[in-house]
Every structure is written in structure tokens, then in C-alpha cells.
Amino acid sequence: MNADQIKNIRRQGKAARGQKELIKHLSDERLTLKQAVNAYCYSCTGFYADGKTDCMMKNCPLHPFMAFNQNRGKKTTSRPVSAEHMQKMREARL
């Protein structure tokens, strides 16, 4: 059954983020959390049949992490580290 789904995805699905992750999942391989989100969004949007755009489903708990969500947060955030804290970390290494 999964082989048929994989063939269908390769034949009809658009090449977009989540395609290879969904195929990997259907092949019983492990995914990271980010890969799982991308695979789910790819599947939920019908393999991005309407194009690689935001799904606009604001009530979906994965929407903030969707690959094509223009309003998603920055990938990483950095906090400033005080000089006192840096000193403590240096001392802890010794």
C-alpha cells in the first residue's frame, strides 16, 4: 500500500519541502521533528497542488512551523550573555 502512495506522490506531487520527508516516512524511516512537520504539511495541503504557498490554516497547531508561512518566527534566537555569566562559565571549565 505504501508503495502505491509513494508512486502517487512522485507522479502527482510537486517538488517541495516535505515531499522527500513524506516518502521517507512511508518507507518506515525515522524523521526528525522538523521533517515530520514538513511531511505533514505536504500531505495536508494535497502535495501543494495549489502551489507552494501558506495554507492559511491559523487554527492548525503546526501552522507557525509551516515551511511556506511568511509569518513564522526566526529559526534561532540568541540571548545576550552577561560578562558575569561568561566568567562563571569559564571558571566552570577549569
PDB file of N, CA and C in Angstrom:
ATOM      1  N   MET A   1       0.824  -1.198   0.000  1.00  0.00           N
ATOM      2  CA  MET A   1       0.000   0.000   0.000  1.00  0.00           C
ATOM      3  C   MET A   1       0.865   1.257   0.000  1.00  0.00           C
ATOM      4  N   ASN A   2       1.894   1.285   0.853  1.00  0.00           N
ATOM      5  CA  ASN A   2       2.776   2.451   0.881  1.00  0.00           C
ATOM      6  C   ASN A   2       3.498   2.657  -0.432  1.00  0.00           C
ATOM      7  N   ALA A   3       3.814   1.573  -1.123  1.00  0.00           N
ATOM      8  CA  ALA A   3       4.497   1.692  -2.414  1.00  0.00           C
ATOM      9  C   ALA A   3       3.610   2.431  -3.411  1.00  0.00           C
ATOM     10  N   ASP A   4       2.304   2.166  -3.375  1.00  0.00           N
ATOM     11  CA  ASP A   4       1.378   2.866  -4.267  1.00  0.00           C
ATOM     12  C   ASP A   4       1.303   4.347  -3.907  1.00  0.00           C
ATOM     13  N   GLN A   5       1.289   4.641  -2.617  1.00  0.00           N
ATOM     14  CA  GLN A   5       1.257   6.038  -2.175  1.00  0.00           C
ATOM     15  C   GLN A   5       2.523   6.776  -2.615  1.00  0.00           C
ATOM     16  N   ILE A   6       3.646   6.118  -2.491  1.00  0.00           N
ATOM     17  CA  ILE A   6       4.917   6.733  -2.883  1.00  0.00           C
ATOM     18  C   ILE A   6       4.935   7.011  -4.383  1.00  0.00           C
ATOM     19  N   LYS A   7       4.470   6.063  -5.180  1.00  0.00           N
ATOM     20  CA  LYS A   7       4.398   6.279  -6.633  1.00  0.00           C
ATOM     21  C   LYS A   7       3.487   7.452  -6.958  1.00  0.00           C
ATOM     22  N   ASN A   8       2.356   7.537  -6.267  1.00  0.00           N
ATOM     23  CA  ASN A   8       1.408   8.619  -6.484  1.00  0.00           C
ATOM     24  C   ASN A   8       2.027   9.977  -6.123  1.00  0.00           C
ATOM     25  N   ILE A   9       2.753  10.025  -5.029  1.00  0.00           N
ATOM     26  CA  ILE A   9       3.408  11.270  -4.608  1.00  0.00           C
ATOM     27  C   ILE A   9       4.442  11.693  -5.640  1.00  0.00           C
ATOM     28  N   ARG A  10       5.242  10.749  -6.099  1.00  0.00           N
ATOM     29  CA  ARG A  10       6.276  11.075  -7.086  1.00  0.00           C
ATOM     30  C   ARG A  10       5.676  11.506  -8.423  1.00  0.00           C
ATOM     31  N   ARG A  11       4.546  10.916  -8.781  1.00  0.00           N
ATOM     32  CA  ARG A  11       3.916  11.218 -10.063  1.00  0.00           C
ATOM     33  C   ARG A  11       3.120  12.527 -10.021  1.00  0.00           C
ATOM     34  N   GLN A  12       2.359  12.753  -8.946  1.00  0.00           N
ATOM     35  CA  GLN A  12       1.450  13.886  -8.914  1.00  0.00           C
ATOM     36  C   GLN A  12       1.883  15.028  -8.008  1.00  0.00           C
ATOM     37  N   GLY A  13       2.727  14.750  -7.042  1.00  0.00           N
ATOM     38  CA  GLY A  13       3.116  15.774  -6.080  1.00  0.00           C
ATOM     39  C   GLY A  13       4.132  16.752  -6.641  1.00  0.00           C
ATOM     40  N   LYS A  14       4.032  17.986  -6.182  1.00  0.00           N
ATOM     41  CA  LYS A  14       5.022  18.987  -6.586  1.00  0.00           C
ATOM     42  C   LYS A  14       6.291  18.785  -5.779  1.00  0.00           C
ATOM     43  N   ALA A  15       7.408  19.101  -6.404  1.00  0.00           N
ATOM     44  CA  ALA A  15       8.678  19.047  -5.685  1.00  0.00           C
ATOM     45  C   ALA A  15       8.694  20.234  -4.720  1.00  0.00           C
ATOM     46  N   ALA A  16       8.556  19.951  -3.460  1.00  0.00           N
ATOM     47  CA  ALA A  16       8.507  20.995  -2.441  1.00  0.00           C
ATOM     48  C   ALA A  16       8.991  20.416  -1.124  1.00  0.00           C
ATOM     49  N   ARG A  17       9.232  21.315  -0.170  1.00  0.00           N
ATOM     50  CA  ARG A  17       9.631  20.853   1.154  1.00  0.00           C
ATOM     51  C   ARG A  17       8.564  19.927   1.699  1.00  0.00           C
ATOM     52  N   GLY A  18       8.978  18.782   2.140  1.00  0.00           N
ATOM     53  CA  GLY A  18       8.066  17.807   2.716  1.00  0.00           C
ATOM     54  C   GLY A  18       7.873  16.585   1.847  1.00  0.00           C
ATOM     55  N   GLN A  19       8.145  16.691   0.557  1.00  0.00           N
ATOM     56  CA  GLN A  19       7.930  15.544  -0.332  1.00  0.00           C
ATOM     57  C   GLN A  19       8.849  14.385   0.042  1.00  0.00           C
ATOM     58  N   LYS A  20      10.133  14.653   0.079  1.00  0.00           N
ATOM     59  CA  LYS A  20      11.041  13.537   0.377  1.00  0.00           C
ATOM     60  C   LYS A  20      10.873  13.057   1.818  1.00  0.00           C
ATOM     61  N   GLU A  21      10.461  13.971   2.712  1.00  0.00           N
ATOM     62  CA  GLU A  21      10.231  13.572   4.103  1.00  0.00           C
ATOM     63  C   GLU A  21       9.017  12.644   4.208  1.00  0.00           C
ATOM     64  N   LEU A  22       7.954  12.951   3.450  1.00  0.00           N
ATOM     65  CA  LEU A  22       6.772  12.090   3.461  1.00  0.00           C
ATOM     66  C   LEU A  22       7.113  10.725   2.870  1.00  0.00           C
ATOM     67  N   ILE A  23       7.877  10.706   1.801  1.00  0.00           N
ATOM     68  CA  ILE A  23       8.298   9.433   1.204  1.00  0.00           C
ATOM     69  C   ILE A  23       9.156   8.652   2.191  1.00  0.00           C
ATOM     70  N   LYS A  24      10.026   9.343   2.890  1.00  0.00           N
ATOM     71  CA  LYS A  24      10.865   8.699   3.906  1.00  0.00           C
ATOM     72  C   LYS A  24      10.002   8.079   5.002  1.00  0.00           C
ATOM     73  N   HIS A  25       8.968   8.820   5.435  1.00  0.00           N
ATOM     74  CA  HIS A  25       8.055   8.301   6.461  1.00  0.00           C
ATOM     75  C   HIS A  25       7.315   7.066   5.963  1.00  0.00           C
ATOM     76  N   LEU A  26       6.818   7.127   4.736  1.00  0.00           N
ATOM     77  CA  LEU A  26       6.085   5.991   4.180  1.00  0.00           C
ATOM     78  C   LEU A  26       6.988   4.783   3.940  1.00  0.00           C
ATOM     79  N   SER A  27       8.297   5.024   3.880  1.00  0.00           N
ATOM     80  CA  SER A  27       9.265   3.933   3.733  1.00  0.00           C
ATOM     81  C   SER A  27       9.726   3.414   5.093  1.00  0.00           C
ATOM     82  N   ASP A  28       9.010   3.820   6.147  1.00  0.00           N
ATOM     83  CA  ASP A  28       9.283   3.392   7.528  1.00  0.00           C
ATOM     84  C   ASP A  28      10.651   3.820   8.038  1.00  0.00           C
ATOM     85  N   GLU A  29      11.102   4.996   7.602  1.00  0.00           N
ATOM     86  CA  GLU A  29      12.346   5.547   8.117  1.00  0.00           C
ATOM     87  C   GLU A  29      12.022   6.594   9.176  1.00  0.00           C
ATOM     88  N   ARG A  30      12.972   6.859  10.041  1.00  0.00           N
ATOM     89  CA  ARG A  30      12.773   7.831  11.117  1.00  0.00           C
ATOM     90  C   ARG A  30      12.902   9.248  10.587  1.00  0.00           C
ATOM     91  N   LEU A  31      12.133  10.146  11.191  1.00  0.00           N
ATOM     92  CA  LEU A  31      12.169  11.554  10.832  1.00  0.00           C
ATOM     93  C   LEU A  31      12.478  12.393  12.061  1.00  0.00           C
ATOM     94  N   THR A  32      13.098  13.528  11.829  1.00  0.00           N
ATOM     95  CA  THR A  32      13.258  14.493  12.903  1.00  0.00           C
ATOM     96  C   THR A  32      11.918  15.217  13.070  1.00  0.00           C
ATOM     97  N   LEU A  33      11.802  16.005  14.110  1.00  0.00           N
ATOM     98  CA  LEU A  33      10.571  16.750  14.338  1.00  0.00           C
ATOM     99  C   LEU A  33      10.287  17.709  13.182  1.00  0.00           C
ATOM    100  N   LYS A  34      11.292  18.420  12.722  1.00  0.00           N
ATOM    101  CA  LYS A  34      11.120  19.352  11.608  1.00  0.00           C
ATOM    102  C   LYS A  34      10.709  18.611  10.335  1.00  0.00           C
ATOM    103  N   GLN A  35      11.325  17.479  10.070  1.00  0.00           N
ATOM    104  CA  GLN A  35      10.969  16.697   8.892  1.00  0.00           C
ATOM    105  C   GLN A  35       9.530  16.209   8.989  1.00  0.00           C
ATOM    106  N   ALA A  36       9.104  15.811  10.189  1.00  0.00           N
ATOM    107  CA  ALA A  36       7.730  15.344  10.382  1.00  0.00           C
ATOM    108  C   ALA A  36       6.738  16.465  10.128  1.00  0.00           C
ATOM    109  N   VAL A  37       7.035  17.672  10.577  1.00  0.00           N
ATOM    110  CA  VAL A  37       6.157  18.818  10.325  1.00  0.00           C
ATOM    111  C   VAL A  37       6.061  19.082   8.831  1.00  0.00           C
ATOM    112  N   ASN A  38       7.205  19.102   8.147  1.00  0.00           N
ATOM    113  CA  ASN A  38       7.200  19.333   6.706  1.00  0.00           C
ATOM    114  C   ASN A  38       6.421  18.242   5.966  1.00  0.00           C
ATOM    115  N   ALA A  39       6.582  16.997   6.380  1.00  0.00           N
ATOM    116  CA  ALA A  39       5.859  15.894   5.740  1.00  0.00           C
ATOM    117  C   ALA A  39       4.366  16.027   5.966  1.00  0.00           C
ATOM    118  N   TYR A  40       3.965  16.385   7.180  1.00  0.00           N
ATOM    119  CA  TYR A  40       2.546  16.538   7.477  1.00  0.00           C
ATOM    120  C   TYR A  40       1.937  17.660   6.643  1.00  0.00           C
ATOM    121  N   CYS A  41       2.608  18.804   6.598  1.00  0.00           N
ATOM    122  CA  CYS A  41       2.093  19.934   5.813  1.00  0.00           C
ATOM    123  C   CYS A  41       2.001  19.577   4.334  1.00  0.00           C
ATOM    124  N   TYR A  42       2.973  18.857   3.832  1.00  0.00           N
ATOM    125  CA  TYR A  42       2.958  18.434   2.430  1.00  0.00           C
ATOM    126  C   TYR A  42       1.741  17.553   2.161  1.00  0.00           C
ATOM    127  N   SER A  43       1.483  16.634   3.061  1.00  0.00           N
ATOM    128  CA  SER A  43       0.342  15.737   2.913  1.00  0.00           C
ATOM    129  C   SER A  43      -0.979  16.488   3.067  1.00  0.00           C
ATOM    130  N   CYS A  44      -1.067  17.337   4.077  1.00  0.00           N
ATOM    131  CA  CYS A  44      -2.303  18.058   4.389  1.00  0.00           C
ATOM    132  C   CYS A  44      -2.719  18.994   3.254  1.00  0.00           C
ATOM    133  N   THR A  45      -1.767  19.604   2.579  1.00  0.00           N
ATOM    134  CA  THR A  45      -2.083  20.550   1.510  1.00  0.00           C
ATOM    135  C   THR A  45      -2.296  19.859   0.167  1.00  0.00           C
ATOM    136  N   GLY A  46      -2.389  18.555   0.163  1.00  0.00           N
ATOM    137  CA  GLY A  46      -2.603  17.825  -1.091  1.00  0.00           C
ATOM    138  C   GLY A  46      -1.393  17.875  -1.992  1.00  0.00           C
ATOM    139  N   PHE A  47      -0.214  17.726  -1.396  1.00  0.00           N
ATOM    140  CA  PHE A  47       1.069  17.746  -2.112  1.00  0.00           C
ATOM    141  C   PHE A  47       1.321  19.101  -2.770  1.00  0.00           C
ATOM    142  N   TYR A  48       0.834  20.163  -2.141  1.00  0.00           N
ATOM    143  CA  TYR A  48       0.958  21.539  -2.640  1.00  0.00           C
ATOM    144  C   TYR A  48       0.412  21.662  -4.059  1.00  0.00           C
ATOM    145  N   ALA A  49      -0.743  21.045  -4.287  1.00  0.00           N
ATOM    146  CA  ALA A  49      -1.371  21.076  -5.615  1.00  0.00           C
ATOM    147  C   ALA A  49      -1.694  22.500  -6.055  1.00  0.00           C
ATOM    148  N   ASP A  50      -1.996  23.389  -5.105  1.00  0.00           N
ATOM    149  CA  ASP A  50      -2.315  24.777  -5.440  1.00  0.00           C
ATOM    150  C   ASP A  50      -1.083  25.669  -5.461  1.00  0.00           C
ATOM    151  N   GLY A  51       0.065  25.093  -5.300  1.00  0.00           N
ATOM    152  CA  GLY A  51       1.303  25.873  -5.298  1.00  0.00           C
ATOM    153  C   GLY A  51       1.950  25.897  -3.929  1.00  0.00           C
ATOM    154  N   LYS A  52       3.164  26.340  -3.902  1.00  0.00           N
ATOM    155  CA  LYS A  52       3.940  26.394  -2.668  1.00  0.00           C
ATOM    156  C   LYS A  52       3.600  27.682  -1.930  1.00  0.00           C
ATOM    157  N   THR A  53       2.470  27.668  -1.266  1.00  0.00           N
ATOM    158  CA  THR A  53       2.002  28.845  -0.555  1.00  0.00           C
ATOM    159  C   THR A  53       1.569  28.476   0.853  1.00  0.00           C
ATOM    160  N   ASP A  54       1.369  29.486   1.660  1.00  0.00           N
ATOM    161  CA  ASP A  54       0.881  29.319   3.022  1.00  0.00           C
ATOM    162  C   ASP A  54      -0.532  28.747   2.975  1.00  0.00           C
ATOM    163  N   CYS A  55      -0.813  27.758   3.809  1.00  0.00           N
ATOM    164  CA  CYS A  55      -2.132  27.130   3.819  1.00  0.00           C
ATOM    165  C   CYS A  55      -3.188  28.017   4.477  1.00  0.00           C
ATOM    166  N   MET A  56      -2.766  29.006   5.246  1.00  0.00           N
ATOM    167  CA  MET A  56      -3.648  29.956   5.925  1.00  0.00           C
ATOM    168  C   MET A  56      -4.552  29.308   6.975  1.00  0.00           C
ATOM    169  N   MET A  57      -4.209  28.126   7.443  1.00  0.00           N
ATOM    170  CA  MET A  57      -4.991  27.455   8.487  1.00  0.00           C
ATOM    171  C   MET A  57      -4.441  27.867   9.849  1.00  0.00           C
ATOM    172  N   LYS A  58      -4.871  29.014  10.315  1.00  0.00           N
ATOM    173  CA  LYS A  58      -4.349  29.599  11.547  1.00  0.00           C
ATOM    174  C   LYS A  58      -4.654  28.752  12.780  1.00  0.00           C
ATOM    175  N   ASN A  59      -5.705  27.911  12.722  1.00  0.00           N
ATOM    176  CA  ASN A  59      -6.054  27.096  13.879  1.00  0.00           C
ATOM    177  C   ASN A  59      -5.250  25.801  13.959  1.00  0.00           C
ATOM    178  N   CYS A  60      -4.446  25.510  12.956  1.00  0.00           N
ATOM    179  CA  CYS A  60      -3.603  24.310  12.976  1.00  0.00           C
ATOM    180  C   CYS A  60      -2.428  24.546  13.928  1.00  0.00           C
ATOM    181  N   PRO A  61      -2.157  23.630  14.846  1.00  0.00           N
ATOM    182  CA  PRO A  61      -1.052  23.828  15.779  1.00  0.00           C
ATOM    183  C   PRO A  61       0.321  23.819  15.103  1.00  0.00           C
ATOM    184  N   LEU A  62       0.409  23.296  13.882  1.00  0.00           N
ATOM    185  CA  LEU A  62       1.684  23.259  13.177  1.00  0.00           C
ATOM    186  C   LEU A  62       1.878  24.462  12.257  1.00  0.00           C
ATOM    187  N   HIS A  63       0.853  25.287  12.098  1.00  0.00           N
ATOM    188  CA  HIS A  63       0.931  26.417  11.172  1.00  0.00           C
ATOM    189  C   HIS A  63       2.126  27.336  11.444  1.00  0.00           C
ATOM    190  N   PRO A  64       2.457  27.638  12.702  1.00  0.00           N
ATOM    191  CA  PRO A  64       3.626  28.505  12.929  1.00  0.00           C
ATOM    192  C   PRO A  64       4.933  27.921  12.403  1.00  0.00           C
ATOM    193  N   PHE A  65       4.973  26.615  12.174  1.00  0.00           N
ATOM    194  CA  PHE A  65       6.194  25.952  11.731  1.00  0.00           C
ATOM    195  C   PHE A  65       6.151  25.565  10.253  1.00  0.00           C
ATOM    196  N   MET A  66       5.061  25.887   9.563  1.00  0.00           N
ATOM    197  CA  MET A  66       4.900  25.508   8.163  1.00  0.00           C
ATOM    198  C   MET A  66       6.005  26.110   7.307  1.00  0.00           C
ATOM    199  N   ALA A  67       6.475  25.348   6.340  1.00  0.00           N
ATOM    200  CA  ALA A  67       7.602  25.770   5.505  1.00  0.00           C
ATOM    201  C   ALA A  67       7.334  27.063   4.748  1.00  0.00           C
ATOM    202  N   PHE A  68       6.116  27.294   4.304  1.00  0.00           N
ATOM    203  CA  PHE A  68       5.819  28.463   3.477  1.00  0.00           C
ATOM    204  C   PHE A  68       5.040  29.539   4.224  1.00  0.00           C
ATOM    205  N   ASN A  69       5.025  29.479   5.544  1.00  0.00           N
ATOM    206  CA  ASN A  69       4.367  30.500   6.358  1.00  0.00           C
ATOM    207  C   ASN A  69       5.266  31.728   6.413  1.00  0.00           C
ATOM    208  N   GLN A  70       4.805  32.814   5.861  1.00  0.00           N
ATOM    209  CA  GLN A  70       5.607  34.043   5.808  1.00  0.00           C
ATOM    210  C   GLN A  70       5.796  34.672   7.180  1.00  0.00           C
ATOM    211  N   ASN A  71       4.921  34.359   8.127  1.00  0.00           N
ATOM    212  CA  ASN A  71       4.968  34.989   9.446  1.00  0.00           C
ATOM    213  C   ASN A  71       5.629  34.130  10.513  1.00  0.00           C
ATOM    214  N   ARG A  72       6.246  33.043  10.114  1.00  0.00           N
ATOM    215  CA  ARG A  72       6.854  32.197  11.148  1.00  0.00           C
ATOM    216  C   ARG A  72       8.045  32.913  11.765  1.00  0.00           C
ATOM    217  N   GLY A  73       8.330  32.541  12.994  1.00  0.00           N
ATOM    218  CA  GLY A  73       9.405  33.197  13.728  1.00  0.00           C
ATOM    219  C   GLY A  73      10.768  32.852  13.182  1.00  0.00           C
ATOM    220  N   LYS A  74      11.746  33.560  13.676  1.00  0.00           N
ATOM    221  CA  LYS A  74      13.117  33.283  13.262  1.00  0.00           C
ATOM    222  C   LYS A  74      13.486  31.870  13.665  1.00  0.00           C
ATOM    223  N   LYS A  75      14.399  31.279  12.911  1.00  0.00           N
ATOM    224  CA  LYS A  75      14.799  29.900  13.184  1.00  0.00           C
ATOM    225  C   LYS A  75      15.553  29.780  14.504  1.00  0.00           C
ATOM    226  N   THR A  76      16.383  30.753  14.783  1.00  0.00           N
ATOM    227  CA  THR A  76      17.132  30.714  16.030  1.00  0.00           C
ATOM    228  C   THR A  76      17.062  32.081  16.698  1.00  0.00           C
ATOM    229  N   THR A  77      17.155  32.048  17.972  1.00  0.00           N
ATOM    230  CA  THR A  77      17.202  33.298  18.719  1.00  0.00           C
ATOM    231  C   THR A  77      18.412  33.239  19.628  1.00  0.00           C
ATOM    232  N   SER A  78      19.052  34.334  19.791  1.00  0.00           N
ATOM    233  CA  SER A  78      20.208  34.358  20.682  1.00  0.00           C
ATOM    234  C   SER A  78      19.951  35.370  21.786  1.00  0.00           C
ATOM    235  N   ARG A  79      20.325  34.989  22.966  1.00  0.00           N
ATOM    236  CA  ARG A  79      20.176  35.873  24.112  1.00  0.00           C
ATOM    237  C   ARG A  79      21.543  36.450  24.433  1.00  0.00           C
ATOM    238  N   PRO A  80      21.569  37.698  24.801  1.00  0.00           N
ATOM    239  CA  PRO A  80      22.854  38.260  25.218  1.00  0.00           C
ATOM    240  C   PRO A  80      23.280  37.630  26.546  1.00  0.00           C
ATOM    241  N   VAL A  81      24.558  37.337  26.649  1.00  0.00           N
ATOM    242  CA  VAL A  81      25.097  36.725  27.861  1.00  0.00           C
ATOM    243  C   VAL A  81      25.914  37.779  28.592  1.00  0.00           C
ATOM    244  N   SER A  82      25.628  37.930  29.874  1.00  0.00           N
ATOM    245  CA  SER A  82      26.326  38.949  30.651  1.00  0.00           C
ATOM    246  C   SER A  82      27.788  38.544  30.868  1.00  0.00           C
ATOM    247  N   ALA A  83      28.614  39.531  31.127  1.00  0.00           N
ATOM    248  CA  ALA A  83      30.039  39.283  31.378  1.00  0.00           C
ATOM    249  C   ALA A  83      30.214  38.415  32.625  1.00  0.00           C
ATOM    250  N   GLU A  84      29.377  38.632  33.606  1.00  0.00           N
ATOM    251  CA  GLU A  84      29.447  37.844  34.847  1.00  0.00           C
ATOM    252  C   GLU A  84      29.149  36.373  34.564  1.00  0.00           C
ATOM    253  N   HIS A  85      28.149  36.113  33.752  1.00  0.00           N
ATOM    254  CA  HIS A  85      27.795  34.741  33.410  1.00  0.00           C
ATOM    255  C   HIS A  85      28.913  34.093  32.587  1.00  0.00           C
ATOM    256  N   MET A  86      29.508  34.839  31.655  1.00  0.00           N
ATOM    257  CA  MET A  86      30.622  34.304  30.866  1.00  0.00           C
ATOM    258  C   MET A  86      31.781  33.902  31.768  1.00  0.00           C
ATOM    259  N   GLN A  87      32.068  34.738  32.768  1.00  0.00           N
ATOM    260  CA  GLN A  87      33.140  34.442  33.718  1.00  0.00           C
ATOM    261  C   GLN A  87      32.861  33.157  34.480  1.00  0.00           C
ATOM    262  N   LYS A  88      31.620  32.975  34.927  1.00  0.00           N
ATOM    263  CA  LYS A  88      31.236  31.763  35.646  1.00  0.00           C
ATOM    264  C   LYS A  88      31.400  30.529  34.757  1.00  0.00           C
ATOM    265  N   MET A  89      31.040  30.646  33.483  1.00  0.00           N
ATOM    266  CA  MET A  89      31.191  29.506  32.571  1.00  0.00           C
ATOM    267  C   MET A  89      32.662  29.177  32.358  1.00  0.00           C
ATOM    268  N   ARG A  90      33.510  30.201  32.247  1.00  0.00           N
ATOM    269  CA  ARG A  90      34.958  29.958  32.085  1.00  0.00           C
ATOM    270  C   ARG A  90      35.536  29.267  33.292  1.00  0.00           C
ATOM    271  N   GLU A  91      35.137  29.705  34.468  1.00  0.00           N
ATOM    272  CA  GLU A  91      35.636  29.099  35.722  1.00  0.00           C
ATOM    273  C   GLU A  91      35.163  27.648  35.863  1.00  0.00           C
ATOM    274  N   ALA A  92      33.981  27.367  35.398  1.00  0.00           N
ATOM    275  CA  ALA A  92      33.451  26.009  35.496  1.00  0.00           C
ATOM    276  C   ALA A  92      34.225  25.025  34.623  1.00  0.00           C
ATOM    277  N   ARG A  93      34.830  25.521  33.547  1.00  0.00           N
ATOM    278  CA  ARG A  93      35.607  24.643  32.661  1.00  0.00           C
ATOM    279  C   ARG A  93      36.926  24.209  33.281  1.00  0.00           C
ATOM    280  N   LEU A  94      37.427  24.967  34.207  1.00  0.00           N
ATOM    281  CA  LEU A  94      38.728  24.644  34.811  1.00  0.00           C
ATOM    282  C   LEU A  94      38.681  23.529  35.782  1.00  0.00           C
TER     283      LEU A  94
END
